[in-house]
N, C-alpha and C. Protein backbone atom coordinates (compact mmCIF):
# COMPACT_ATOMS: atom_id res chain seq x y z
N MET A 1 -33.59 -97.74 -31.94
CA MET A 1 -32.96 -98.62 -30.98
C MET A 1 -31.46 -98.33 -30.91
N VAL A 2 -30.89 -98.59 -29.75
CA VAL A 2 -29.48 -98.35 -29.53
C VAL A 2 -28.73 -99.67 -29.57
N LYS A 3 -27.59 -99.65 -30.22
CA LYS A 3 -26.74 -100.83 -30.28
C LYS A 3 -25.91 -100.90 -29.00
N ALA A 4 -25.65 -102.08 -28.50
CA ALA A 4 -24.84 -102.24 -27.29
C ALA A 4 -23.45 -101.66 -27.54
N LEU A 5 -22.99 -100.84 -26.59
CA LEU A 5 -21.69 -100.21 -26.72
C LEU A 5 -20.60 -101.07 -26.11
N ASP A 6 -20.91 -101.78 -25.08
CA ASP A 6 -20.00 -102.72 -24.45
C ASP A 6 -20.82 -103.63 -23.56
N GLU A 7 -20.14 -104.51 -22.82
CA GLU A 7 -20.86 -105.48 -22.00
C GLU A 7 -21.69 -104.83 -20.90
N TYR A 8 -21.35 -103.61 -20.50
CA TYR A 8 -22.07 -102.94 -19.42
C TYR A 8 -23.26 -102.12 -19.93
N LEU A 9 -23.30 -101.90 -21.21
CA LEU A 9 -24.40 -101.14 -21.80
C LEU A 9 -25.09 -101.97 -22.88
N PRO A 10 -25.61 -103.13 -22.50
CA PRO A 10 -26.24 -103.99 -23.51
C PRO A 10 -27.56 -103.41 -24.03
N LYS A 11 -27.87 -103.77 -25.23
CA LYS A 11 -29.09 -103.32 -25.89
C LYS A 11 -30.33 -103.60 -25.05
N GLU A 12 -30.34 -104.74 -24.36
CA GLU A 12 -31.50 -105.11 -23.55
C GLU A 12 -31.80 -104.06 -22.47
N LYS A 13 -30.75 -103.47 -21.94
CA LYS A 13 -30.94 -102.45 -20.90
C LYS A 13 -31.52 -101.18 -21.51
N PHE A 14 -31.04 -100.82 -22.71
CA PHE A 14 -31.63 -99.66 -23.39
C PHE A 14 -33.09 -99.93 -23.74
N ASP A 15 -33.39 -101.17 -24.15
CA ASP A 15 -34.77 -101.54 -24.46
C ASP A 15 -35.66 -101.40 -23.22
N GLU A 16 -35.14 -101.83 -22.06
CA GLU A 16 -35.90 -101.72 -20.81
C GLU A 16 -36.16 -100.25 -20.46
N LEU A 17 -35.15 -99.41 -20.64
CA LEU A 17 -35.31 -97.99 -20.36
C LEU A 17 -36.30 -97.36 -21.34
N GLU A 18 -36.20 -97.73 -22.60
CA GLU A 18 -37.13 -97.20 -23.61
C GLU A 18 -38.56 -97.59 -23.27
N LYS A 19 -38.77 -98.82 -22.87
CA LYS A 19 -40.11 -99.29 -22.50
C LYS A 19 -40.65 -98.48 -21.32
N PHE A 20 -39.79 -98.20 -20.34
CA PHE A 20 -40.19 -97.40 -19.19
C PHE A 20 -40.60 -95.99 -19.62
N ILE A 21 -39.76 -95.36 -20.43
CA ILE A 21 -40.05 -94.00 -20.88
C ILE A 21 -41.33 -93.97 -21.71
N ASP A 22 -41.48 -94.93 -22.62
CA ASP A 22 -42.66 -94.98 -23.48
C ASP A 22 -43.95 -95.27 -22.70
N SER A 23 -43.83 -95.88 -21.53
CA SER A 23 -45.02 -96.19 -20.73
C SER A 23 -45.54 -94.99 -19.93
N MET A 24 -44.76 -93.93 -19.89
CA MET A 24 -45.16 -92.76 -19.11
C MET A 24 -46.21 -91.98 -19.87
N GLN A 25 -47.20 -91.46 -19.13
CA GLN A 25 -48.23 -90.65 -19.77
C GLN A 25 -47.63 -89.39 -20.36
N THR A 26 -46.72 -88.79 -19.60
CA THR A 26 -46.00 -87.62 -20.09
C THR A 26 -44.59 -87.66 -19.53
N THR A 27 -43.65 -87.18 -20.32
CA THR A 27 -42.27 -87.12 -19.84
C THR A 27 -41.92 -85.71 -19.38
N LYS A 28 -42.85 -84.80 -19.53
CA LYS A 28 -42.63 -83.42 -19.10
C LYS A 28 -42.44 -83.40 -17.58
N GLY A 29 -41.32 -82.90 -17.14
CA GLY A 29 -41.04 -82.83 -15.71
C GLY A 29 -40.63 -84.16 -15.10
N ALA A 30 -40.35 -85.16 -15.93
CA ALA A 30 -40.05 -86.50 -15.40
C ALA A 30 -38.57 -86.88 -15.52
N LEU A 31 -37.71 -85.92 -15.80
CA LEU A 31 -36.30 -86.24 -16.02
C LEU A 31 -35.67 -86.96 -14.83
N ILE A 32 -35.90 -86.48 -13.62
CA ILE A 32 -35.28 -87.10 -12.45
C ILE A 32 -35.80 -88.53 -12.27
N GLU A 33 -37.08 -88.73 -12.46
CA GLU A 33 -37.65 -90.08 -12.36
C GLU A 33 -37.02 -91.01 -13.39
N ILE A 34 -36.83 -90.52 -14.59
CA ILE A 34 -36.24 -91.32 -15.66
C ILE A 34 -34.77 -91.61 -15.36
N LEU A 35 -34.06 -90.63 -14.82
CA LEU A 35 -32.66 -90.85 -14.45
C LEU A 35 -32.54 -91.88 -13.34
N HIS A 36 -33.45 -91.84 -12.37
CA HIS A 36 -33.46 -92.85 -11.31
C HIS A 36 -33.63 -94.25 -11.91
N LYS A 37 -34.59 -94.37 -12.80
CA LYS A 37 -34.84 -95.67 -13.43
C LYS A 37 -33.62 -96.12 -14.25
N ALA A 38 -33.04 -95.19 -14.98
CA ALA A 38 -31.87 -95.53 -15.80
C ALA A 38 -30.71 -96.00 -14.91
N GLN A 39 -30.52 -95.32 -13.78
CA GLN A 39 -29.43 -95.74 -12.88
C GLN A 39 -29.74 -97.10 -12.25
N ASP A 40 -31.02 -97.36 -11.97
CA ASP A 40 -31.40 -98.69 -11.48
C ASP A 40 -31.08 -99.77 -12.52
N ILE A 41 -31.33 -99.46 -13.77
CA ILE A 41 -31.12 -100.43 -14.85
C ILE A 41 -29.63 -100.64 -15.14
N PHE A 42 -28.89 -99.55 -15.30
CA PHE A 42 -27.49 -99.63 -15.71
C PHE A 42 -26.51 -99.67 -14.54
N GLY A 43 -26.95 -99.18 -13.37
CA GLY A 43 -26.06 -99.12 -12.22
C GLY A 43 -25.33 -97.79 -12.11
N TYR A 44 -25.33 -97.04 -13.17
CA TYR A 44 -24.71 -95.71 -13.23
C TYR A 44 -25.21 -95.02 -14.49
N LEU A 45 -24.81 -93.76 -14.68
CA LEU A 45 -25.32 -92.98 -15.82
C LEU A 45 -24.16 -92.49 -16.70
N PRO A 46 -23.61 -93.38 -17.51
CA PRO A 46 -22.54 -92.95 -18.41
C PRO A 46 -23.07 -91.98 -19.47
N ARG A 47 -22.16 -91.32 -20.14
CA ARG A 47 -22.49 -90.31 -21.15
C ARG A 47 -23.48 -90.84 -22.19
N ASP A 48 -23.26 -92.06 -22.66
CA ASP A 48 -24.14 -92.61 -23.70
C ASP A 48 -25.58 -92.77 -23.22
N VAL A 49 -25.76 -93.13 -21.97
CA VAL A 49 -27.12 -93.27 -21.42
C VAL A 49 -27.75 -91.88 -21.28
N GLN A 50 -26.98 -90.91 -20.82
CA GLN A 50 -27.49 -89.55 -20.70
C GLN A 50 -27.93 -89.00 -22.05
N LEU A 51 -27.11 -89.22 -23.08
CA LEU A 51 -27.45 -88.73 -24.42
C LEU A 51 -28.68 -89.45 -24.98
N TYR A 52 -28.81 -90.73 -24.67
CA TYR A 52 -29.98 -91.48 -25.10
C TYR A 52 -31.25 -90.87 -24.48
N ILE A 53 -31.18 -90.58 -23.19
CA ILE A 53 -32.33 -89.98 -22.50
C ILE A 53 -32.63 -88.61 -23.09
N ALA A 54 -31.61 -87.83 -23.35
CA ALA A 54 -31.81 -86.50 -23.93
C ALA A 54 -32.53 -86.59 -25.28
N ARG A 55 -32.08 -87.52 -26.12
CA ARG A 55 -32.73 -87.70 -27.43
C ARG A 55 -34.18 -88.15 -27.28
N LYS A 56 -34.41 -89.10 -26.36
CA LYS A 56 -35.79 -89.60 -26.15
C LYS A 56 -36.72 -88.48 -25.67
N LEU A 57 -36.19 -87.58 -24.85
CA LEU A 57 -37.03 -86.52 -24.29
C LEU A 57 -37.00 -85.25 -25.13
N GLY A 58 -36.14 -85.21 -26.13
CA GLY A 58 -36.04 -84.03 -26.98
C GLY A 58 -35.48 -82.81 -26.25
N ILE A 59 -34.53 -83.06 -25.37
CA ILE A 59 -33.90 -81.96 -24.62
C ILE A 59 -32.39 -82.01 -24.83
N PRO A 60 -31.70 -80.92 -24.56
CA PRO A 60 -30.25 -80.92 -24.75
C PRO A 60 -29.54 -81.88 -23.78
N GLY A 61 -28.48 -82.50 -24.26
CA GLY A 61 -27.69 -83.38 -23.41
C GLY A 61 -27.13 -82.63 -22.21
N ALA A 62 -26.83 -81.35 -22.38
CA ALA A 62 -26.29 -80.55 -21.28
C ALA A 62 -27.31 -80.41 -20.14
N GLU A 63 -28.58 -80.40 -20.48
CA GLU A 63 -29.62 -80.32 -19.44
C GLU A 63 -29.63 -81.61 -18.60
N VAL A 64 -29.52 -82.74 -19.27
CA VAL A 64 -29.48 -84.03 -18.57
C VAL A 64 -28.23 -84.08 -17.70
N TYR A 65 -27.08 -83.72 -18.27
CA TYR A 65 -25.83 -83.74 -17.52
C TYR A 65 -25.90 -82.79 -16.32
N GLY A 66 -26.53 -81.65 -16.49
CA GLY A 66 -26.67 -80.69 -15.40
C GLY A 66 -27.39 -81.29 -14.20
N VAL A 67 -28.43 -82.06 -14.46
CA VAL A 67 -29.18 -82.71 -13.38
C VAL A 67 -28.34 -83.83 -12.76
N VAL A 68 -27.71 -84.63 -13.61
CA VAL A 68 -26.89 -85.75 -13.12
C VAL A 68 -25.75 -85.24 -12.24
N SER A 69 -25.10 -84.17 -12.67
CA SER A 69 -23.95 -83.67 -11.92
C SER A 69 -24.36 -82.89 -10.67
N PHE A 70 -25.60 -82.39 -10.63
CA PHE A 70 -26.06 -81.61 -9.47
C PHE A 70 -26.42 -82.52 -8.29
N TYR A 71 -27.12 -83.60 -8.55
CA TYR A 71 -27.59 -84.47 -7.47
C TYR A 71 -26.57 -85.55 -7.15
N SER A 72 -26.18 -85.63 -5.87
CA SER A 72 -25.14 -86.58 -5.47
C SER A 72 -25.60 -88.04 -5.57
N TYR A 73 -26.90 -88.27 -5.64
CA TYR A 73 -27.41 -89.64 -5.78
C TYR A 73 -26.95 -90.26 -7.10
N PHE A 74 -26.88 -89.45 -8.13
CA PHE A 74 -26.52 -89.96 -9.45
C PHE A 74 -25.01 -90.10 -9.58
N THR A 75 -24.60 -91.12 -10.32
CA THR A 75 -23.17 -91.34 -10.54
C THR A 75 -22.92 -91.62 -12.02
N THR A 76 -21.81 -91.11 -12.50
CA THR A 76 -21.44 -91.35 -13.90
C THR A 76 -20.39 -92.45 -14.01
N LYS A 77 -20.00 -93.00 -12.86
CA LYS A 77 -19.02 -94.09 -12.85
C LYS A 77 -19.67 -95.34 -12.27
N PRO A 78 -19.26 -96.52 -12.75
CA PRO A 78 -19.81 -97.76 -12.18
C PRO A 78 -19.51 -97.83 -10.69
N ARG A 79 -20.37 -98.48 -9.97
CA ARG A 79 -20.20 -98.70 -8.54
C ARG A 79 -20.17 -100.20 -8.27
N GLY A 80 -19.63 -100.52 -7.10
CA GLY A 80 -19.66 -101.91 -6.67
C GLY A 80 -21.07 -102.30 -6.29
N LYS A 81 -21.26 -103.56 -5.99
CA LYS A 81 -22.58 -104.06 -5.59
C LYS A 81 -23.07 -103.33 -4.33
N HIS A 82 -22.14 -103.02 -3.43
CA HIS A 82 -22.48 -102.30 -2.20
C HIS A 82 -21.68 -101.01 -2.13
N THR A 83 -22.34 -99.92 -1.76
CA THR A 83 -21.66 -98.64 -1.60
C THR A 83 -21.48 -98.36 -0.11
N ILE A 84 -20.23 -98.17 0.27
CA ILE A 84 -19.91 -97.84 1.66
C ILE A 84 -19.65 -96.34 1.71
N SER A 85 -20.46 -95.64 2.50
CA SER A 85 -20.32 -94.19 2.65
C SER A 85 -19.81 -93.89 4.05
N VAL A 86 -18.71 -93.17 4.12
CA VAL A 86 -18.15 -92.75 5.41
C VAL A 86 -18.49 -91.27 5.58
N CYS A 87 -19.20 -90.96 6.66
CA CYS A 87 -19.57 -89.57 6.93
C CYS A 87 -18.32 -88.82 7.38
N MET A 88 -18.07 -87.70 6.73
CA MET A 88 -16.94 -86.84 7.08
C MET A 88 -17.41 -85.50 7.62
N GLY A 89 -18.68 -85.45 8.04
CA GLY A 89 -19.20 -84.23 8.67
C GLY A 89 -18.43 -83.94 9.94
N THR A 90 -18.62 -82.75 10.49
CA THR A 90 -17.84 -82.30 11.64
C THR A 90 -17.91 -83.27 12.81
N ALA A 91 -19.10 -83.68 13.23
CA ALA A 91 -19.24 -84.57 14.38
C ALA A 91 -18.52 -85.90 14.13
N CYS A 92 -18.71 -86.47 12.96
CA CYS A 92 -18.08 -87.75 12.64
C CYS A 92 -16.56 -87.60 12.53
N PHE A 93 -16.13 -86.52 11.93
CA PHE A 93 -14.70 -86.30 11.77
C PHE A 93 -14.02 -86.19 13.14
N VAL A 94 -14.63 -85.41 14.03
CA VAL A 94 -14.08 -85.23 15.38
C VAL A 94 -14.04 -86.55 16.14
N LYS A 95 -15.02 -87.42 15.89
CA LYS A 95 -15.11 -88.70 16.60
C LYS A 95 -14.33 -89.83 15.92
N GLY A 96 -13.55 -89.51 14.87
CA GLY A 96 -12.65 -90.52 14.31
C GLY A 96 -12.99 -91.07 12.95
N ALA A 97 -13.79 -90.36 12.17
CA ALA A 97 -14.16 -90.86 10.84
C ALA A 97 -12.95 -91.07 9.94
N GLU A 98 -11.94 -90.24 10.10
CA GLU A 98 -10.75 -90.38 9.26
C GLU A 98 -10.04 -91.71 9.53
N ARG A 99 -9.98 -92.13 10.79
CA ARG A 99 -9.38 -93.43 11.13
C ARG A 99 -10.22 -94.57 10.56
N ILE A 100 -11.54 -94.42 10.63
CA ILE A 100 -12.45 -95.43 10.07
C ILE A 100 -12.23 -95.54 8.56
N ALA A 101 -12.13 -94.40 7.89
CA ALA A 101 -11.92 -94.38 6.44
C ALA A 101 -10.59 -95.04 6.08
N THR A 102 -9.55 -94.74 6.84
CA THR A 102 -8.23 -95.33 6.59
C THR A 102 -8.29 -96.85 6.74
N LYS A 103 -8.97 -97.32 7.76
CA LYS A 103 -9.11 -98.76 7.99
C LYS A 103 -9.89 -99.42 6.84
N LEU A 104 -10.96 -98.77 6.38
CA LEU A 104 -11.73 -99.30 5.26
C LEU A 104 -10.88 -99.37 4.00
N LYS A 105 -10.13 -98.32 3.71
CA LYS A 105 -9.26 -98.32 2.53
C LYS A 105 -8.26 -99.45 2.61
N GLU A 106 -7.70 -99.66 3.79
CA GLU A 106 -6.73 -100.74 4.01
C GLU A 106 -7.38 -102.10 3.78
N ARG A 107 -8.54 -102.33 4.38
CA ARG A 107 -9.22 -103.62 4.28
C ARG A 107 -9.73 -103.91 2.87
N LEU A 108 -10.18 -102.88 2.18
CA LEU A 108 -10.75 -103.05 0.84
C LEU A 108 -9.69 -102.99 -0.26
N GLY A 109 -8.56 -102.37 0.04
CA GLY A 109 -7.51 -102.24 -0.97
C GLY A 109 -7.84 -101.23 -2.05
N ILE A 110 -8.65 -100.23 -1.70
CA ILE A 110 -9.03 -99.19 -2.66
C ILE A 110 -8.99 -97.82 -1.99
N GLU A 111 -9.03 -96.80 -2.82
CA GLU A 111 -9.18 -95.43 -2.35
C GLU A 111 -10.66 -95.05 -2.51
N ALA A 112 -11.01 -93.88 -2.02
CA ALA A 112 -12.38 -93.39 -2.18
C ALA A 112 -12.71 -93.28 -3.67
N ASP A 113 -13.96 -93.56 -4.01
CA ASP A 113 -14.48 -93.51 -5.38
C ASP A 113 -13.91 -94.59 -6.28
N GLU A 114 -13.40 -95.66 -5.68
CA GLU A 114 -12.93 -96.80 -6.46
C GLU A 114 -13.79 -98.02 -6.14
N ILE A 115 -13.63 -99.04 -6.97
CA ILE A 115 -14.37 -100.30 -6.81
C ILE A 115 -13.36 -101.39 -6.47
N THR A 116 -13.73 -102.28 -5.54
CA THR A 116 -12.85 -103.40 -5.22
C THR A 116 -12.72 -104.30 -6.44
N LYS A 117 -11.62 -105.03 -6.50
CA LYS A 117 -11.35 -105.91 -7.65
C LYS A 117 -12.48 -106.91 -7.91
N ASP A 118 -13.14 -107.36 -6.83
CA ASP A 118 -14.23 -108.32 -6.98
C ASP A 118 -15.57 -107.66 -7.34
N GLY A 119 -15.57 -106.33 -7.44
CA GLY A 119 -16.79 -105.61 -7.81
C GLY A 119 -17.82 -105.52 -6.70
N LEU A 120 -17.44 -105.89 -5.50
CA LEU A 120 -18.39 -105.95 -4.40
C LEU A 120 -18.62 -104.61 -3.71
N PHE A 121 -17.56 -103.80 -3.59
CA PHE A 121 -17.69 -102.56 -2.83
C PHE A 121 -17.17 -101.34 -3.57
N THR A 122 -17.83 -100.21 -3.32
CA THR A 122 -17.34 -98.89 -3.68
C THR A 122 -17.26 -98.12 -2.37
N LEU A 123 -16.18 -97.37 -2.20
CA LEU A 123 -16.00 -96.55 -1.01
C LEU A 123 -16.16 -95.09 -1.38
N LYS A 124 -16.96 -94.37 -0.61
CA LYS A 124 -17.07 -92.94 -0.86
C LYS A 124 -17.19 -92.19 0.45
N TYR A 125 -16.78 -90.93 0.39
CA TYR A 125 -16.89 -90.04 1.54
C TYR A 125 -18.04 -89.09 1.28
N VAL A 126 -18.85 -88.86 2.31
CA VAL A 126 -19.98 -87.95 2.17
C VAL A 126 -19.87 -86.84 3.22
N ARG A 127 -20.50 -85.73 2.94
CA ARG A 127 -20.42 -84.56 3.82
C ARG A 127 -21.15 -84.80 5.15
N CYS A 128 -22.36 -85.31 5.07
CA CYS A 128 -23.13 -85.53 6.30
C CYS A 128 -24.25 -86.52 6.01
N ILE A 129 -24.40 -87.47 6.90
CA ILE A 129 -25.46 -88.47 6.76
C ILE A 129 -26.69 -88.03 7.55
N GLY A 130 -26.48 -87.13 8.52
CA GLY A 130 -27.59 -86.63 9.31
C GLY A 130 -27.86 -87.46 10.56
N ALA A 131 -26.86 -88.16 11.01
CA ALA A 131 -26.98 -88.97 12.22
C ALA A 131 -25.85 -88.62 13.18
N CYS A 132 -25.68 -87.33 13.41
CA CYS A 132 -24.54 -86.81 14.17
C CYS A 132 -24.45 -87.40 15.57
N GLY A 133 -25.58 -87.72 16.18
CA GLY A 133 -25.58 -88.30 17.51
C GLY A 133 -25.00 -89.70 17.55
N LEU A 134 -24.83 -90.32 16.37
CA LEU A 134 -24.28 -91.67 16.28
C LEU A 134 -22.84 -91.67 15.77
N ALA A 135 -22.21 -90.52 15.75
CA ALA A 135 -20.86 -90.37 15.17
C ALA A 135 -19.84 -91.28 15.85
N PRO A 136 -18.90 -91.80 15.05
CA PRO A 136 -18.78 -91.72 13.59
C PRO A 136 -19.72 -92.73 12.91
N VAL A 137 -20.22 -92.33 11.76
CA VAL A 137 -21.24 -93.11 11.06
C VAL A 137 -20.70 -93.63 9.72
N VAL A 138 -21.04 -94.89 9.45
CA VAL A 138 -20.76 -95.52 8.16
C VAL A 138 -22.09 -96.07 7.65
N MET A 139 -22.36 -95.87 6.37
CA MET A 139 -23.54 -96.47 5.75
C MET A 139 -23.08 -97.47 4.71
N VAL A 140 -23.72 -98.62 4.70
CA VAL A 140 -23.51 -99.59 3.63
C VAL A 140 -24.86 -99.70 2.95
N ASP A 141 -24.90 -99.24 1.71
CA ASP A 141 -26.15 -99.10 0.97
C ASP A 141 -27.07 -98.20 1.80
N ASP A 142 -28.19 -98.71 2.31
CA ASP A 142 -29.11 -97.88 3.09
C ASP A 142 -29.05 -98.18 4.58
N LYS A 143 -28.15 -99.04 5.00
CA LYS A 143 -28.04 -99.42 6.42
C LYS A 143 -27.01 -98.54 7.12
N VAL A 144 -27.44 -97.94 8.23
CA VAL A 144 -26.58 -97.04 9.00
C VAL A 144 -25.93 -97.81 10.15
N PHE A 145 -24.62 -97.65 10.27
CA PHE A 145 -23.86 -98.20 11.39
C PHE A 145 -23.32 -97.02 12.19
N GLY A 146 -23.74 -96.92 13.45
CA GLY A 146 -23.34 -95.79 14.28
C GLY A 146 -22.30 -96.14 15.31
N ARG A 147 -21.60 -95.11 15.76
CA ARG A 147 -20.54 -95.24 16.77
C ARG A 147 -19.55 -96.34 16.39
N VAL A 148 -19.18 -96.33 15.11
CA VAL A 148 -18.32 -97.36 14.55
C VAL A 148 -16.90 -97.23 15.11
N LYS A 149 -16.34 -98.38 15.47
CA LYS A 149 -14.96 -98.45 15.94
C LYS A 149 -14.14 -99.20 14.89
N GLU A 150 -12.86 -98.91 14.84
CA GLU A 150 -11.99 -99.53 13.85
C GLU A 150 -12.06 -101.05 13.89
N ASP A 151 -12.14 -101.61 15.10
CA ASP A 151 -12.14 -103.08 15.20
C ASP A 151 -13.46 -103.72 14.79
N GLU A 152 -14.45 -102.91 14.40
CA GLU A 152 -15.73 -103.44 13.91
C GLU A 152 -15.81 -103.50 12.38
N ILE A 153 -14.82 -102.93 11.71
CA ILE A 153 -14.84 -102.84 10.25
C ILE A 153 -14.93 -104.22 9.59
N ASP A 154 -14.11 -105.15 10.02
CA ASP A 154 -14.13 -106.49 9.40
C ASP A 154 -15.50 -107.15 9.56
N GLU A 155 -16.09 -107.01 10.73
CA GLU A 155 -17.41 -107.59 10.99
C GLU A 155 -18.47 -106.98 10.07
N ILE A 156 -18.41 -105.67 9.89
CA ILE A 156 -19.37 -104.99 9.00
C ILE A 156 -19.18 -105.49 7.57
N LEU A 157 -17.95 -105.53 7.11
CA LEU A 157 -17.68 -105.97 5.73
C LEU A 157 -18.10 -107.42 5.51
N ASP A 158 -17.87 -108.27 6.50
CA ASP A 158 -18.23 -109.69 6.38
C ASP A 158 -19.73 -109.90 6.17
N LYS A 159 -20.56 -109.03 6.71
CA LYS A 159 -22.01 -109.13 6.52
C LYS A 159 -22.39 -109.02 5.05
N TYR A 160 -21.58 -108.31 4.28
CA TYR A 160 -21.89 -108.07 2.87
C TYR A 160 -21.07 -108.96 1.93
N ARG A 161 -20.15 -109.70 2.45
CA ARG A 161 -19.34 -110.59 1.62
C ARG A 161 -20.01 -111.95 1.43
N ARG A 162 -21.04 -112.23 2.18
CA ARG A 162 -21.72 -113.54 2.11
C ARG A 162 -22.54 -113.67 0.86
């Protein structure tokens, strides 16, 4: 068993992850599935969680880190309750994504890859969301907002502040 390292990595969460791993028929080839579950439980994948998974699976920590750092879905830093992704792909950039990003930073009081003081939002820039016809595009969690205008930012944020 793992001892809680701080308030964000309580023993109960490690116990939940251990129960999940132990319930699997085989862990061979299941690293990504286990990482998804771990990120669901902890909200992110700090070094201590990665090393715990490596020990449980009997694989090198570098192998776990290699997968975590390769896939953009995984994060090693805590995130806010809601993740706001601003598409910076060519179509979105040409249609004003940079202005949208600037407005979001102003309204949230954070830079990209930071968390608001209330823990509600994380802002990040992504290469392409795949909705070029709706440019500029902003995603909040899994919800896509297309043809976003600067004056719509407050309305979008208010939907998630409730």
